[in-house]
Amino acid sequence: DKSQQLVSYVEDYLECVESLPLDIQRNVSMLREIDAKYQDVLKEVDEVFEKYQGEQDGTQKKRLQTQLQRALIISQELGDEKIHVVTQMTELIENCSRQMDSHSLCLQEPGEPERLPAERRSSLQDSLAPERSSAPARGASATARAASPASRRPTAPWWTTRSRSFPIFPPKKRSPSR
């Protein structure tokens, strides 16, 4: 029984060691592609905004405003897509780590000192449920995807998803000193 657990551990370990770096690299490449699209959209926003500021015609100004809104919506969607990819990366790493930890607990001899910190053990025991994944199944309906564990988790606060170039709070206006 122990030898079978050891074989299972080694197989899972090798699978993680082989596949995790490739999966992470694939996701990093996706992030770079999304970021390139995002940079293009930001350039478009800048160009349209410049035209908007210089435009005198009301109908043309309205058309530029609509174009600006569309570009901003696309930029938000790209940001959401990047968050989704990062969430997938985090889940890949967590699942691999949880799998290795569960094998480690199974291979531990009775009476041997615990190798995992207590909080990690309790979270591991709580999470021995099937792996979660934020990737929707092929052919899954929107309702099924909305009910997935990934969609029930709290999302990060809005200020952690914004670029550092945008201040959270606007700078205070200073009154002239007397």
Protein backbone atom coordinates (compact mmCIF):
# COMPACT_ATOMS: atom_id res chain seq x y z
CA ASP A 1 0.00 0.00 0.00
CA LYS A 2 2.81 2.44 0.89
CA SER A 3 4.72 1.53 -2.26
CA GLN A 4 1.61 2.20 -4.36
CA GLN A 5 1.21 5.59 -2.64
CA LEU A 6 4.87 6.35 -3.31
CA VAL A 7 4.49 5.43 -6.99
CA SER A 8 1.38 7.60 -7.23
CA TYR A 9 3.22 10.48 -5.54
CA VAL A 10 6.20 10.21 -7.89
CA GLU A 11 3.94 10.05 -10.96
CA ASP A 12 1.95 13.09 -9.84
CA TYR A 13 5.11 14.95 -8.89
CA LEU A 14 6.67 14.31 -12.31
CA GLU A 15 3.46 15.35 -14.04
CA CYS A 16 3.42 18.62 -12.06
CA VAL A 17 7.11 19.27 -12.70
CA GLU A 18 6.66 18.66 -16.43
CA SER A 19 3.32 20.37 -17.05
CA LEU A 20 3.23 23.28 -14.59
CA PRO A 21 6.07 25.32 -16.17
CA LEU A 22 4.54 24.85 -19.63
CA ASP A 23 1.10 25.87 -18.40
CA ILE A 24 2.53 28.92 -16.64
CA GLN A 25 4.51 29.90 -19.74
CA ARG A 26 1.41 29.55 -21.91
CA ASN A 27 -0.53 31.80 -19.54
CA VAL A 28 2.29 34.37 -19.40
CA SER A 29 2.30 34.42 -23.21
CA MET A 30 -1.46 34.99 -23.17
CA LEU A 31 -0.96 37.88 -20.73
CA ARG A 32 1.60 39.44 -23.06
CA GLU A 33 -0.77 39.12 -26.03
CA ILE A 34 -3.60 40.69 -24.07
CA ASP A 35 -1.30 43.46 -22.89
CA ALA A 36 -0.24 44.21 -26.48
CA LYS A 37 -3.92 44.53 -27.45
CA TYR A 38 -4.47 46.72 -24.39
CA GLN A 39 -1.63 49.04 -25.41
CA ASP A 40 -3.17 49.38 -28.89
CA VAL A 41 -6.53 50.27 -27.35
CA LEU A 42 -4.87 52.86 -25.09
CA LYS A 43 -3.26 54.46 -28.15
CA GLU A 44 -6.68 54.57 -29.80
CA VAL A 45 -8.17 56.18 -26.68
CA ASP A 46 -5.46 58.85 -26.72
CA GLU A 47 -5.94 59.56 -30.45
CA VAL A 48 -9.73 59.73 -30.24
CA PHE A 49 -9.58 61.92 -27.14
CA GLU A 50 -7.22 64.35 -28.91
CA LYS A 51 -9.65 64.55 -31.86
CA TYR A 52 -12.56 64.96 -29.45
CA GLN A 53 -10.94 67.91 -27.68
CA GLY A 54 -10.26 69.72 -30.94
CA GLU A 55 -13.64 69.02 -32.55
CA GLN A 56 -16.19 71.82 -32.86
CA ASP A 57 -18.99 70.00 -34.72
CA GLY A 58 -21.57 68.56 -32.27
CA THR A 59 -22.47 65.45 -34.30
CA GLN A 60 -18.81 64.64 -34.95
CA LYS A 61 -18.07 65.17 -31.24
CA LYS A 62 -20.89 62.75 -30.33
CA ARG A 63 -19.51 60.14 -32.77
CA LEU A 64 -16.03 60.50 -31.24
CA GLN A 65 -17.50 60.19 -27.75
CA THR A 66 -19.19 56.91 -28.75
CA GLN A 67 -15.92 55.67 -30.26
CA LEU A 68 -14.11 56.60 -27.03
CA GLN A 69 -16.69 54.73 -24.93
CA ARG A 70 -16.30 51.61 -27.07
CA ALA A 71 -12.51 51.71 -26.73
CA LEU A 72 -12.79 52.11 -22.95
CA ILE A 73 -15.19 49.16 -22.75
CA ILE A 74 -12.74 47.05 -24.76
CA SER A 75 -9.91 48.07 -22.43
CA GLN A 76 -12.01 47.00 -19.42
CA GLU A 77 -12.78 43.65 -21.06
CA LEU A 78 -9.08 43.10 -21.74
CA GLY A 79 -8.31 43.89 -18.10
CA ASP A 80 -10.95 41.38 -17.00
CA GLU A 81 -9.42 38.81 -19.35
CA LYS A 82 -5.99 39.36 -17.78
CA ILE A 83 -7.47 38.86 -14.31
CA HIS A 84 -9.06 35.61 -15.49
CA VAL A 85 -5.72 34.32 -16.85
CA VAL A 86 -3.93 35.19 -13.60
CA THR A 87 -6.69 33.42 -11.64
CA GLN A 88 -6.17 30.32 -13.79
CA MET A 89 -2.42 30.44 -13.08
CA THR A 90 -3.05 30.73 -9.35
CA GLU A 91 -5.45 27.79 -9.44
CA LEU A 92 -2.96 25.64 -11.37
CA ILE A 93 -0.29 26.29 -8.76
CA GLU A 94 -2.68 25.80 -5.83
CA ASN A 95 -4.00 22.52 -7.25
CA CYS A 96 -0.51 21.16 -7.84
CA SER A 97 0.62 22.22 -4.37
CA ARG A 98 -2.50 20.76 -2.75
CA GLN A 99 -1.97 17.48 -4.60
CA MET A 100 1.65 17.24 -3.43
CA ASP A 101 0.64 18.13 0.13
CA SER A 102 -2.04 15.44 0.20
CA HIS A 103 0.50 12.84 -0.97
CA SER A 104 2.94 14.09 1.64
CA LEU A 105 0.37 13.56 4.38
CA CYS A 106 -0.41 10.04 3.11
CA LEU A 107 3.27 9.08 3.01
CA GLN A 108 4.00 10.38 6.49
CA GLU A 109 4.72 7.69 9.07
CA PRO A 110 2.48 7.57 12.16
CA GLY A 111 4.28 9.26 15.04
CA GLU A 112 6.53 11.19 12.65
CA PRO A 113 6.47 14.94 13.34
CA GLU A 114 4.11 16.89 11.13
CA ARG A 115 5.80 18.44 8.08
CA LEU A 116 3.05 20.91 7.25
CA PRO A 117 2.15 23.93 9.38
CA ALA A 118 -1.21 23.56 11.14
CA GLU A 119 -3.00 26.19 9.05
CA ARG A 120 -1.78 24.56 5.83
CA ARG A 121 -2.96 21.13 7.07
CA SER A 122 -6.44 22.39 7.89
CA SER A 123 -6.77 24.17 4.55
CA LEU A 124 -5.49 21.05 2.79
CA GLN A 125 -7.99 18.82 4.57
CA ASP A 126 -10.78 21.26 3.69
CA SER A 127 -9.68 21.28 0.07
CA LEU A 128 -9.28 17.59 -0.63
CA ALA A 129 -12.42 18.01 -2.71
CA PRO A 130 -12.05 17.73 -6.49
CA GLU A 131 -9.86 20.29 -8.20
CA ARG A 132 -11.43 23.56 -9.18
CA SER A 133 -10.85 25.25 -12.45
CA SER A 134 -11.96 28.60 -13.79
CA ALA A 135 -11.74 27.34 -17.36
CA PRO A 136 -15.26 26.69 -18.64
CA ALA A 137 -16.00 23.26 -20.00
CA ARG A 138 -16.49 23.04 -23.73
CA GLY A 139 -20.14 23.40 -24.51
CA ALA A 140 -20.96 24.50 -20.96
CA SER A 141 -23.80 26.95 -20.73
CA ALA A 142 -23.37 30.43 -19.29
CA THR A 143 -25.48 29.34 -16.32
CA ALA A 144 -23.19 26.38 -15.64
CA ARG A 145 -20.12 28.60 -15.89
CA ALA A 146 -21.70 31.16 -13.55
CA ALA A 147 -22.28 28.44 -10.97
CA SER A 148 -18.67 27.25 -11.07
CA PRO A 149 -16.57 27.51 -7.87
CA ALA A 150 -14.37 30.14 -9.50
CA SER A 151 -17.35 32.44 -10.02
CA ARG A 152 -18.47 32.09 -6.39
CA ARG A 153 -15.14 33.18 -4.99
CA PRO A 154 -14.87 36.82 -4.00
CA THR A 155 -13.07 38.90 -6.57
CA ALA A 156 -10.17 41.17 -5.79
CA PRO A 157 -11.01 44.73 -4.79
CA TRP A 158 -11.18 47.11 -7.72
CA TRP A 159 -8.11 49.05 -6.62
CA THR A 160 -5.89 45.97 -6.92
CA THR A 161 -6.86 45.53 -10.56
CA ARG A 162 -5.97 49.02 -11.66
CA SER A 163 -2.68 50.09 -13.13
CA ARG A 164 -0.29 51.82 -10.77
CA SER A 165 -0.30 54.81 -13.11
CA PHE A 166 -3.82 55.69 -11.98
CA PRO A 167 -3.98 57.06 -8.43
CA ILE A 168 -6.64 55.61 -6.16
CA PHE A 169 -7.48 59.01 -4.76
CA PRO A 170 -7.06 62.26 -6.68
CA PRO A 171 -4.40 64.57 -5.29
CA LYS A 172 -5.69 67.12 -2.83
CA LYS A 173 -5.80 70.71 -3.98
CA ARG A 174 -3.66 72.81 -1.74
CA SER A 175 -4.88 76.17 -0.65
CA PRO A 176 -2.35 79.00 -0.89
CA SER A 177 -0.54 79.53 2.38
CA ARG A 178 -0.85 82.92 3.97
